[in-house]
Amino acid sequence: LQLYRFGETVSIPFFTETWRPYSFYDKIRNNRTHGWHTLLLLDIKVKEPTMESLARGKPVYLPPHFMTIDVAIEQLLEVEDARKEGVYSRETLCVGLARVGCAD
């Protein structure tokens, strides 16, 4: 990977039952069209209040939740399966790093 060959950085959010944004797909397509690498930033949920606690007016926070590389891949493939534009496939080479610099 060459640093000067990176295109626009893309964030991959956690999908929910009612919210599944595909906007990152177009940015990945643009980067690949130009022969650029794409840095994907995976979603984190930190200090997210529960809906019930918000309704009561006293926020209670869920434990931190970090997107795994496996979840990101599942979501990326879901979008490719839906869009069918051939931007990437199950055979596309990817490099995944998690918890870089963490002691555990």
PDB file of N, CA and C in Angstrom:
ATOM      1  N   LEU A   1       0.834  -1.173   0.000  1.00  0.00           N
ATOM      2  CA  LEU A   1       0.000   0.000   0.000  1.00  0.00           C
ATOM      3  C   LEU A   1       0.884   1.243   0.000  1.00  0.00           C
ATOM      4  N   GLN A   2       0.608   2.119  -0.909  1.00  0.00           N
ATOM      5  CA  GLN A   2       1.382   3.355  -0.994  1.00  0.00           C
ATOM      6  C   GLN A   2       0.490   4.508  -0.548  1.00  0.00           C
ATOM      7  N   LEU A   3       0.986   5.283   0.395  1.00  0.00           N
ATOM      8  CA  LEU A   3       0.187   6.338   0.992  1.00  0.00           C
ATOM      9  C   LEU A   3      -0.357   7.318  -0.038  1.00  0.00           C
ATOM     10  N   TYR A   4       0.421   7.666  -1.032  1.00  0.00           N
ATOM     11  CA  TYR A   4      -0.033   8.652  -2.019  1.00  0.00           C
ATOM     12  C   TYR A   4      -1.054   8.070  -2.999  1.00  0.00           C
ATOM     13  N   ARG A   5      -1.363   6.775  -2.884  1.00  0.00           N
ATOM     14  CA  ARG A   5      -2.338   6.140  -3.767  1.00  0.00           C
ATOM     15  C   ARG A   5      -3.707   5.961  -3.096  1.00  0.00           C
ATOM     16  N   PHE A   6      -3.929   6.650  -1.982  1.00  0.00           N
ATOM     17  CA  PHE A   6      -5.218   6.559  -1.300  1.00  0.00           C
ATOM     18  C   PHE A   6      -6.161   7.637  -1.809  1.00  0.00           C
ATOM     19  N   GLY A   7      -7.396   7.223  -2.050  1.00  0.00           N
ATOM     20  CA  GLY A   7      -8.438   8.169  -2.420  1.00  0.00           C
ATOM     21  C   GLY A   7      -9.175   8.634  -1.182  1.00  0.00           C
ATOM     22  N   GLU A   8     -10.425   9.021  -1.368  1.00  0.00           N
ATOM     23  CA  GLU A   8     -11.242   9.528  -0.270  1.00  0.00           C
ATOM     24  C   GLU A   8     -11.455   8.459   0.794  1.00  0.00           C
ATOM     25  N   THR A   9     -11.335   8.846   2.055  1.00  0.00           N
ATOM     26  CA  THR A   9     -11.592   7.958   3.182  1.00  0.00           C
ATOM     27  C   THR A   9     -13.098   7.789   3.354  1.00  0.00           C
ATOM     28  N   VAL A  10     -13.507   6.584   3.734  1.00  0.00           N
ATOM     29  CA  VAL A  10     -14.929   6.248   3.815  1.00  0.00           C
ATOM     30  C   VAL A  10     -15.249   5.709   5.210  1.00  0.00           C
ATOM     31  N   SER A  11     -16.389   6.112   5.763  1.00  0.00           N
ATOM     32  CA  SER A  11     -16.868   5.568   7.035  1.00  0.00           C
ATOM     33  C   SER A  11     -17.957   4.539   6.767  1.00  0.00           C
ATOM     34  N   ILE A  12     -17.878   3.414   7.473  1.00  0.00           N
ATOM     35  CA  ILE A  12     -18.892   2.367   7.367  1.00  0.00           C
ATOM     36  C   ILE A  12     -19.690   2.379   8.669  1.00  0.00           C
ATOM     37  N   PRO A  13     -20.952   2.824   8.620  1.00  0.00           N
ATOM     38  CA  PRO A  13     -21.765   2.863   9.840  1.00  0.00           C
ATOM     39  C   PRO A  13     -22.416   1.509  10.115  1.00  0.00           C
ATOM     40  N   PHE A  14     -22.751   1.273  11.374  1.00  0.00           N
ATOM     41  CA  PHE A  14     -23.537   0.095  11.719  1.00  0.00           C
ATOM     42  C   PHE A  14     -24.892   0.190  11.025  1.00  0.00           C
ATOM     43  N   PHE A  15     -25.310  -0.861  10.347  1.00  0.00           N
ATOM     44  CA  PHE A  15     -26.651  -0.927   9.787  1.00  0.00           C
ATOM     45  C   PHE A  15     -27.634  -1.240  10.914  1.00  0.00           C
ATOM     46  N   THR A  16     -28.860  -0.749  10.764  1.00  0.00           N
ATOM     47  CA  THR A  16     -29.944  -1.125  11.664  1.00  0.00           C
ATOM     48  C   THR A  16     -31.059  -1.719  10.809  1.00  0.00           C
ATOM     49  N   GLU A  17     -32.118  -2.155  11.445  1.00  0.00           N
ATOM     50  CA  GLU A  17     -33.243  -2.714  10.695  1.00  0.00           C
ATOM     51  C   GLU A  17     -33.868  -1.686   9.759  1.00  0.00           C
ATOM     52  N   THR A  18     -33.843  -0.432  10.158  1.00  0.00           N
ATOM     53  CA  THR A  18     -34.516   0.611   9.368  1.00  0.00           C
ATOM     54  C   THR A  18     -33.560   1.590   8.687  1.00  0.00           C
ATOM     55  N   TRP A  19     -32.276   1.454   8.906  1.00  0.00           N
ATOM     56  CA  TRP A  19     -31.297   2.410   8.339  1.00  0.00           C
ATOM     57  C   TRP A  19     -30.107   1.644   7.802  1.00  0.00           C
ATOM     58  N   ARG A  20     -29.982   1.624   6.471  1.00  0.00           N
ATOM     59  CA  ARG A  20     -28.910   0.892   5.802  1.00  0.00           C
ATOM     60  C   ARG A  20     -28.344   1.777   4.691  1.00  0.00           C
ATOM     61  N   PRO A  21     -27.564   2.789   5.057  1.00  0.00           N
ATOM     62  CA  PRO A  21     -27.057   3.709   4.038  1.00  0.00           C
ATOM     63  C   PRO A  21     -26.018   3.036   3.133  1.00  0.00           C
ATOM     64  N   TYR A  22     -26.141   3.308   1.854  1.00  0.00           N
ATOM     65  CA  TYR A  22     -25.218   2.749   0.860  1.00  0.00           C
ATOM     66  C   TYR A  22     -24.296   3.822   0.286  1.00  0.00           C
ATOM     67  N   SER A  23     -24.290   5.011   0.840  1.00  0.00           N
ATOM     68  CA  SER A  23     -23.558   6.131   0.259  1.00  0.00           C
ATOM     69  C   SER A  23     -22.055   5.873   0.153  1.00  0.00           C
ATOM     70  N   PHE A  24     -21.503   5.059   1.025  1.00  0.00           N
ATOM     71  CA  PHE A  24     -20.065   4.787   0.976  1.00  0.00           C
ATOM     72  C   PHE A  24     -19.675   4.028  -0.290  1.00  0.00           C
ATOM     73  N   TYR A  25     -20.610   3.294  -0.862  1.00  0.00           N
ATOM     74  CA  TYR A  25     -20.344   2.479  -2.046  1.00  0.00           C
ATOM     75  C   TYR A  25     -19.856   3.336  -3.213  1.00  0.00           C
ATOM     76  N   ASP A  26     -20.498   4.470  -3.425  1.00  0.00           N
ATOM     77  CA  ASP A  26     -20.115   5.356  -4.531  1.00  0.00           C
ATOM     78  C   ASP A  26     -18.694   5.892  -4.366  1.00  0.00           C
ATOM     79  N   LYS A  27     -18.301   6.165  -3.134  1.00  0.00           N
ATOM     80  CA  LYS A  27     -16.948   6.665  -2.889  1.00  0.00           C
ATOM     81  C   LYS A  27     -15.912   5.565  -3.138  1.00  0.00           C
ATOM     82  N   ILE A  28     -16.238   4.343  -2.743  1.00  0.00           N
ATOM     83  CA  ILE A  28     -15.327   3.225  -3.012  1.00  0.00           C
ATOM     84  C   ILE A  28     -15.217   3.014  -4.519  1.00  0.00           C
ATOM     85  N   ARG A  29     -16.346   3.070  -5.223  1.00  0.00           N
ATOM     86  CA  ARG A  29     -16.336   2.914  -6.684  1.00  0.00           C
ATOM     87  C   ARG A  29     -15.458   3.973  -7.328  1.00  0.00           C
ATOM     88  N   ASN A  30     -15.585   5.221  -6.899  1.00  0.00           N
ATOM     89  CA  ASN A  30     -14.785   6.309  -7.455  1.00  0.00           C
ATOM     90  C   ASN A  30     -13.290   6.058  -7.212  1.00  0.00           C
ATOM     91  N   ASN A  31     -12.941   5.657  -6.000  1.00  0.00           N
ATOM     92  CA  ASN A  31     -11.532   5.366  -5.698  1.00  0.00           C
ATOM     93  C   ASN A  31     -11.007   4.234  -6.575  1.00  0.00           C
ATOM     94  N   ARG A  32     -11.774   3.171  -6.715  1.00  0.00           N
ATOM     95  CA  ARG A  32     -11.321   2.026  -7.517  1.00  0.00           C
ATOM     96  C   ARG A  32     -11.223   2.391  -8.999  1.00  0.00           C
ATOM     97  N   THR A  33     -12.123   3.232  -9.469  1.00  0.00           N
ATOM     98  CA  THR A  33     -12.083   3.685 -10.868  1.00  0.00           C
ATOM     99  C   THR A  33     -10.763   4.390 -11.166  1.00  0.00           C
ATOM    100  N   HIS A  34     -10.256   5.131 -10.186  1.00  0.00           N
ATOM    101  CA  HIS A  34      -9.006   5.866 -10.351  1.00  0.00           C
ATOM    102  C   HIS A  34      -7.773   5.045  -9.963  1.00  0.00           C
ATOM    103  N   GLY A  35      -7.988   3.792  -9.527  1.00  0.00           N
ATOM    104  CA  GLY A  35      -6.861   2.955  -9.130  1.00  0.00           C
ATOM    105  C   GLY A  35      -6.314   3.282  -7.758  1.00  0.00           C
ATOM    106  N   TRP A  36      -7.148   3.904  -6.925  1.00  0.00           N
ATOM    107  CA  TRP A  36      -6.712   4.310  -5.597  1.00  0.00           C
ATOM    108  C   TRP A  36      -7.149   3.301  -4.540  1.00  0.00           C
ATOM    109  N   HIS A  37      -6.395   3.232  -3.432  1.00  0.00           N
ATOM    110  CA  HIS A  37      -6.800   2.454  -2.269  1.00  0.00           C
ATOM    111  C   HIS A  37      -7.904   3.235  -1.544  1.00  0.00           C
ATOM    112  N   THR A  38      -8.676   2.529  -0.714  1.00  0.00           N
ATOM    113  CA  THR A  38      -9.700   3.180   0.099  1.00  0.00           C
ATOM    114  C   THR A  38      -9.495   2.809   1.555  1.00  0.00           C
ATOM    115  N   LEU A  39      -9.339   3.809   2.407  1.00  0.00           N
ATOM    116  CA  LEU A  39      -9.272   3.589   3.845  1.00  0.00           C
ATOM    117  C   LEU A  39     -10.698   3.610   4.371  1.00  0.00           C
ATOM    118  N   LEU A  40     -11.129   2.500   4.990  1.00  0.00           N
ATOM    119  CA  LEU A  40     -12.471   2.398   5.557  1.00  0.00           C
ATOM    120  C   LEU A  40     -12.385   2.540   7.070  1.00  0.00           C
ATOM    121  N   LEU A  41     -13.089   3.485   7.609  1.00  0.00           N
ATOM    122  CA  LEU A  41     -13.164   3.671   9.060  1.00  0.00           C
ATOM    123  C   LEU A  41     -14.435   2.986   9.545  1.00  0.00           C
ATOM    124  N   LEU A  42     -14.291   2.068  10.490  1.00  0.00           N
ATOM    125  CA  LEU A  42     -15.424   1.297  10.973  1.00  0.00           C
ATOM    126  C   LEU A  42     -16.082   1.987  12.162  1.00  0.00           C
ATOM    127  N   ASP A  43     -17.395   1.884  12.214  1.00  0.00           N
ATOM    128  CA  ASP A  43     -18.206   2.584  13.205  1.00  0.00           C
ATOM    129  C   ASP A  43     -17.896   2.135  14.628  1.00  0.00           C
ATOM    130  N   ILE A  44     -18.076   3.056  15.548  1.00  0.00           N
ATOM    131  CA  ILE A  44     -18.011   2.764  16.975  1.00  0.00           C
ATOM    132  C   ILE A  44     -19.229   3.394  17.632  1.00  0.00           C
ATOM    133  N   LYS A  45     -19.712   2.748  18.648  1.00  0.00           N
ATOM    134  CA  LYS A  45     -20.815   3.289  19.438  1.00  0.00           C
ATOM    135  C   LYS A  45     -20.296   3.461  20.855  1.00  0.00           C
ATOM    136  N   VAL A  46     -20.086   4.692  21.249  1.00  0.00           N
ATOM    137  CA  VAL A  46     -19.574   4.998  22.577  1.00  0.00           C
ATOM    138  C   VAL A  46     -20.516   6.016  23.208  1.00  0.00           C
ATOM    139  N   LYS A  47     -20.924   5.726  24.412  1.00  0.00           N
ATOM    140  CA  LYS A  47     -21.831   6.596  25.169  1.00  0.00           C
ATOM    141  C   LYS A  47     -23.146   6.817  24.416  1.00  0.00           C
ATOM    142  N   GLU A  48     -23.719   5.700  23.948  1.00  0.00           N
ATOM    143  CA  GLU A  48     -25.017   5.729  23.270  1.00  0.00           C
ATOM    144  C   GLU A  48     -26.113   5.492  24.309  1.00  0.00           C
ATOM    145  N   PRO A  49     -27.056   6.432  24.462  1.00  0.00           N
ATOM    146  CA  PRO A  49     -28.130   6.224  25.433  1.00  0.00           C
ATOM    147  C   PRO A  49     -29.176   5.249  24.895  1.00  0.00           C
ATOM    148  N   THR A  50     -29.850   4.560  25.812  1.00  0.00           N
ATOM    149  CA  THR A  50     -30.957   3.699  25.401  1.00  0.00           C
ATOM    150  C   THR A  50     -32.166   4.582  25.101  1.00  0.00           C
ATOM    151  N   MET A  51     -33.029   4.113  24.222  1.00  0.00           N
ATOM    152  CA  MET A  51     -34.230   4.879  23.875  1.00  0.00           C
ATOM    153  C   MET A  51     -35.147   5.027  25.096  1.00  0.00           C
ATOM    154  N   GLU A  52     -35.238   3.971  25.897  1.00  0.00           N
ATOM    155  CA  GLU A  52     -36.089   4.004  27.086  1.00  0.00           C
ATOM    156  C   GLU A  52     -35.620   5.063  28.080  1.00  0.00           C
ATOM    157  N   SER A  53     -34.298   5.144  28.263  1.00  0.00           N
ATOM    158  CA  SER A  53     -33.781   6.118  29.223  1.00  0.00           C
ATOM    159  C   SER A  53     -33.978   7.544  28.724  1.00  0.00           C
ATOM    160  N   LEU A  54     -33.905   7.738  27.419  1.00  0.00           N
ATOM    161  CA  LEU A  54     -34.153   9.075  26.865  1.00  0.00           C
ATOM    162  C   LEU A  54     -35.602   9.494  27.094  1.00  0.00           C
ATOM    163  N   ALA A  55     -36.511   8.538  26.938  1.00  0.00           N
ATOM    164  CA  ALA A  55     -37.931   8.833  27.149  1.00  0.00           C
ATOM    165  C   ALA A  55     -38.205   9.218  28.593  1.00  0.00           C
ATOM    166  N   ARG A  56     -37.421   8.661  29.499  1.00  0.00           N
ATOM    167  CA  ARG A  56     -37.594   8.963  30.929  1.00  0.00           C
ATOM    168  C   ARG A  56     -36.854  10.222  31.352  1.00  0.00           C
ATOM    169  N   GLY A  57     -36.011  10.735  30.488  1.00  0.00           N
ATOM    170  CA  GLY A  57     -35.280  11.956  30.797  1.00  0.00           C
ATOM    171  C   GLY A  57     -33.999  11.744  31.580  1.00  0.00           C
ATOM    172  N   LYS A  58     -33.627  10.508  31.839  1.00  0.00           N
ATOM    173  CA  LYS A  58     -32.386  10.193  32.549  1.00  0.00           C
ATOM    174  C   LYS A  58     -31.590   9.219  31.694  1.00  0.00           C
ATOM    175  N   PRO A  59     -30.606   9.730  30.949  1.00  0.00           N
ATOM    176  CA  PRO A  59     -29.867   8.838  30.057  1.00  0.00           C
ATOM    177  C   PRO A  59     -29.117   7.723  30.784  1.00  0.00           C
ATOM    178  N   VAL A  60     -29.313   6.509  30.296  1.00  0.00           N
ATOM    179  CA  VAL A  60     -28.545   5.336  30.714  1.00  0.00           C
ATOM    180  C   VAL A  60     -27.823   4.886  29.457  1.00  0.00           C
ATOM    181  N   TYR A  61     -26.513   4.726  29.567  1.00  0.00           N
ATOM    182  CA  TYR A  61     -25.719   4.464  28.372  1.00  0.00           C
ATOM    183  C   TYR A  61     -25.435   2.979  28.169  1.00  0.00           C
ATOM    184  N   LEU A  62     -25.473   2.587  26.911  1.00  0.00           N
ATOM    185  CA  LEU A  62     -25.120   1.228  26.525  1.00  0.00           C
ATOM    186  C   LEU A  62     -23.605   1.069  26.608  1.00  0.00           C
ATOM    187  N   PRO A  63     -23.127  -0.155  26.784  1.00  0.00           N
ATOM    188  CA  PRO A  63     -21.675  -0.345  26.781  1.00  0.00           C
ATOM    189  C   PRO A  63     -21.094  -0.034  25.400  1.00  0.00           C
ATOM    190  N   PRO A  64     -19.832   0.359  25.328  1.00  0.00           N
ATOM    191  CA  PRO A  64     -19.214   0.648  24.024  1.00  0.00           C
ATOM    192  C   PRO A  64     -19.293  -0.565  23.101  1.00  0.00           C
ATOM    193  N   HIS A  65     -19.466  -0.274  21.817  1.00  0.00           N
ATOM    194  CA  HIS A  65     -19.592  -1.333  20.808  1.00  0.00           C
ATOM    195  C   HIS A  65     -18.767  -0.915  19.592  1.00  0.00           C
ATOM    196  N   PHE A  66     -17.867  -1.784  19.169  1.00  0.00           N
ATOM    197  CA  PHE A  66     -16.974  -1.476  18.062  1.00  0.00           C
ATOM    198  C   PHE A  66     -17.261  -2.415  16.901  1.00  0.00           C
ATOM    199  N   MET A  67     -17.391  -1.862  15.702  1.00  0.00           N
ATOM    200  CA  MET A  67     -17.632  -2.699  14.531  1.00  0.00           C
ATOM    201  C   MET A  67     -16.409  -3.575  14.279  1.00  0.00           C
ATOM    202  N   THR A  68     -16.664  -4.853  14.029  1.00  0.00           N
ATOM    203  CA  THR A  68     -15.580  -5.766  13.691  1.00  0.00           C
ATOM    204  C   THR A  68     -15.363  -5.759  12.179  1.00  0.00           C
ATOM    205  N   ILE A  69     -14.224  -6.260  11.783  1.00  0.00           N
ATOM    206  CA  ILE A  69     -13.925  -6.355  10.351  1.00  0.00           C
ATOM    207  C   ILE A  69     -14.929  -7.288   9.681  1.00  0.00           C
ATOM    208  N   ASP A  70     -15.315  -8.377  10.363  1.00  0.00           N
ATOM    209  CA  ASP A  70     -16.300  -9.306   9.804  1.00  0.00           C
ATOM    210  C   ASP A  70     -17.635  -8.623   9.513  1.00  0.00           C
ATOM    211  N   VAL A  71     -18.099  -7.795  10.439  1.00  0.00           N
ATOM    212  CA  VAL A  71     -19.364  -7.078  10.243  1.00  0.00           C
ATOM    213  C   VAL A  71     -19.237  -6.113   9.068  1.00  0.00           C
ATOM    214  N   ALA A  72     -18.124  -5.410   8.989  1.00  0.00           N
ATOM    215  CA  ALA A  72     -17.910  -4.478   7.880  1.00  0.00           C
ATOM    216  C   ALA A  72     -17.953  -5.221   6.542  1.00  0.00           C
ATOM    217  N   ILE A  73     -17.297  -6.372   6.477  1.00  0.00           N
ATOM    218  CA  ILE A  73     -17.291  -7.150   5.235  1.00  0.00           C
ATOM    219  C   ILE A  73     -18.700  -7.600   4.879  1.00  0.00           C
ATOM    220  N   GLU A  74     -19.461  -8.070   5.869  1.00  0.00           N
ATOM    221  CA  GLU A  74     -20.847  -8.481   5.619  1.00  0.00           C
ATOM    222  C   GLU A  74     -21.655  -7.331   5.024  1.00  0.00           C
ATOM    223  N   GLN A  75     -21.500  -6.150   5.601  1.00  0.00           N
ATOM    224  CA  GLN A  75     -22.247  -4.992   5.116  1.00  0.00           C
ATOM    225  C   GLN A  75     -21.789  -4.577   3.720  1.00  0.00           C
ATOM    226  N   LEU A  76     -20.484  -4.591   3.488  1.00  0.00           N
ATOM    227  CA  LEU A  76     -19.964  -4.253   2.158  1.00  0.00           C
ATOM    228  C   LEU A  76     -20.517  -5.203   1.110  1.00  0.00           C
ATOM    229  N   LEU A  77     -20.536  -6.494   1.419  1.00  0.00           N
ATOM    230  CA  LEU A  77     -21.044  -7.473   0.457  1.00  0.00           C
ATOM    231  C   LEU A  77     -22.551  -7.347   0.263  1.00  0.00           C
ATOM    232  N   GLU A  78     -23.271  -6.994   1.320  1.00  0.00           N
ATOM    233  CA  GLU A  78     -24.712  -6.751   1.181  1.00  0.00           C
ATOM    234  C   GLU A  78     -24.979  -5.635   0.167  1.00  0.00           C
ATOM    235  N   VAL A  79     -24.197  -4.568   0.270  1.00  0.00           N
ATOM    236  CA  VAL A  79     -24.378  -3.438  -0.641  1.00  0.00           C
ATOM    237  C   VAL A  79     -24.022  -3.846  -2.069  1.00  0.00           C
ATOM    238  N   GLU A  80     -22.929  -4.576  -2.241  1.00  0.00           N
ATOM    239  CA  GLU A  80     -22.550  -5.036  -3.589  1.00  0.00           C
ATOM    240  C   GLU A  80     -23.617  -5.961  -4.155  1.00  0.00           C
ATOM    241  N   ASP A  81     -24.143  -6.849  -3.337  1.00  0.00           N
ATOM    242  CA  ASP A  81     -25.204  -7.752  -3.799  1.00  0.00           C
ATOM    243  C   ASP A  81     -26.447  -6.978  -4.232  1.00  0.00           C
ATOM    244  N   ALA A  82     -26.732  -5.867  -3.546  1.00  0.00           N
ATOM    245  CA  ALA A  82     -27.898  -5.047  -3.893  1.00  0.00           C
ATOM    246  C   ALA A  82     -27.643  -4.189  -5.130  1.00  0.00           C
ATOM    247  N   ARG A  83     -26.471  -3.592  -5.216  1.00  0.00           N
ATOM    248  CA  ARG A  83     -26.166  -2.671  -6.321  1.00  0.00           C
ATOM    249  C   ARG A  83     -25.697  -3.387  -7.594  1.00  0.00           C
ATOM    250  N   LYS A  84     -24.998  -4.490  -7.433  1.00  0.00           N
ATOM    251  CA  LYS A  84     -24.533  -5.310  -8.562  1.00  0.00           C
ATOM    252  C   LYS A  84     -23.748  -4.522  -9.616  1.00  0.00           C
ATOM    253  N   GLU A  85     -22.844  -3.657  -9.161  1.00  0.00           N
ATOM    254  CA  GLU A  85     -22.035  -2.857 -10.077  1.00  0.00           C
ATOM    255  C   GLU A  85     -20.608  -3.381 -10.210  1.00  0.00           C
ATOM    256  N   GLY A  86     -20.283  -4.435  -9.481  1.00  0.00           N
ATOM    257  CA  GLY A  86     -18.959  -5.031  -9.604  1.00  0.00           C
ATOM    258  C   GLY A  86     -17.822  -4.188  -9.058  1.00  0.00           C
ATOM    259  N   VAL A  87     -18.112  -3.356  -8.074  1.00  0.00           N
ATOM    260  CA  VAL A  87     -17.068  -2.513  -7.483  1.00  0.00           C
ATOM    261  C   VAL A  87     -16.068  -3.372  -6.715  1.00  0.00           C
ATOM    262  N   TYR A  88     -16.567  -4.403  -6.046  1.00  0.00           N
ATOM    263  CA  TYR A  88     -15.721  -5.361  -5.335  1.00  0.00           C
ATOM    264  C   TYR A  88     -16.495  -6.669  -5.243  1.00  0.00           C
ATOM    265  N   SER A  89     -15.795  -7.713  -4.816  1.00  0.00           N
ATOM    266  CA  SER A  89     -16.428  -9.031  -4.715  1.00  0.00           C
ATOM    267  C   SER A  89     -15.855  -9.761  -3.507  1.00  0.00           C
ATOM    268  N   ARG A  90     -16.293 -10.986  -3.337  1.00  0.00           N
ATOM    269  CA  ARG A  90     -15.767 -11.809  -2.251  1.00  0.00           C
ATOM    270  C   ARG A  90     -14.292 -12.147  -2.463  1.00  0.00           C
ATOM    271  N   GLU A  91     -13.797 -11.964  -3.671  1.00  0.00           N
ATOM    272  CA  GLU A  91     -12.393 -12.255  -3.984  1.00  0.00           C
ATOM    273  C   GLU A  91     -11.499 -11.015  -3.947  1.00  0.00           C
ATOM    274  N   THR A  92     -12.053  -9.843  -3.702  1.00  0.00           N
ATOM    275  CA  THR A  92     -11.268  -8.607  -3.674  1.00  0.00           C
ATOM    276  C   THR A  92     -10.305  -8.631  -2.486  1.00  0.00           C
ATOM    277  N   LEU A  93      -9.044  -8.335  -2.756  1.00  0.00           N
ATOM    278  CA  LEU A  93      -8.032  -8.305  -1.708  1.00  0.00           C
ATOM    279  C   LEU A  93      -8.270  -7.112  -0.780  1.00  0.00           C
ATOM    280  N   CYS A  94      -8.305  -7.391   0.509  1.00  0.00           N
ATOM    281  CA  CYS A  94      -8.488  -6.348   1.524  1.00  0.00           C
ATOM    282  C   CYS A  94      -7.495  -6.598   2.652  1.00  0.00           C
ATOM    283  N   VAL A  95      -7.135  -5.530   3.340  1.00  0.00           N
ATOM    284  CA  VAL A  95      -6.283  -5.614   4.520  1.00  0.00           C
ATOM    285  C   VAL A  95      -7.083  -5.031   5.677  1.00  0.00           C
ATOM    286  N   GLY A  96      -7.224  -5.788   6.754  1.00  0.00           N
ATOM    287  CA  GLY A  96      -7.968  -5.312   7.913  1.00  0.00           C
ATOM    288  C   GLY A  96      -7.088  -5.251   9.142  1.00  0.00           C
ATOM    289  N   LEU A  97      -7.149  -4.130   9.837  1.00  0.00           N
ATOM    290  CA  LEU A  97      -6.398  -3.947  11.084  1.00  0.00           C
ATOM    291  C   LEU A  97      -7.376  -3.549  12.173  1.00  0.00           C
ATOM    292  N   ALA A  98      -7.225  -4.133  13.340  1.00  0.00           N
ATOM    293  CA  ALA A  98      -8.109  -3.806  14.447  1.00  0.00           C
ATOM    294  C   ALA A  98      -7.275  -3.593  15.705  1.00  0.00           C
ATOM    295  N   ARG A  99      -7.695  -2.634  16.524  1.00  0.00           N
ATOM    296  CA  ARG A  99      -7.087  -2.380  17.828  1.00  0.00           C
ATOM    297  C   ARG A  99      -5.596  -2.110  17.732  1.00  0.00           C
ATOM    298  N   VAL A 100      -5.185  -1.454  16.681  1.00  0.00           N
ATOM    299  CA  VAL A 100      -3.779  -1.110  16.478  1.00  0.00           C
ATOM    300  C   VAL A 100      -3.321  -0.203  17.626  1.00  0.00           C
ATOM    301  N   GLY A 101      -2.259  -0.590  18.289  1.00  0.00           N
ATOM    302  CA  GLY A 101      -1.720   0.202  19.391  1.00  0.00           C
ATOM    303  C   GLY A 101      -2.321  -0.110  20.746  1.00  0.00           C
ATOM    304  N   CYS A 102      -3.311  -0.990  20.804  1.00  0.00           N
ATOM    305  CA  CYS A 102      -3.923  -1.347  22.086  1.00  0.00           C
ATOM    306  C   CYS A 102      -3.106  -2.422  22.787  1.00  0.00           C
ATOM    307  N   ALA A 103      -3.039  -2.347  24.086  1.00  0.00           N
ATOM    308  CA  ALA A 103      -2.279  -3.320  24.859  1.00  0.00           C
ATOM    309  C   ALA A 103      -2.924  -4.692  24.857  1.00  0.00           C
ATOM    310  N   ASP A 104      -4.242  -4.752  24.749  1.00  0.00           N
ATOM    311  CA  ASP A 104      -4.939  -6.043  24.768  1.00  0.00           C
ATOM    312  C   ASP A 104      -5.242  -6.451  23.366  1.00  0.00           C
TER     313      ASP A 104
END
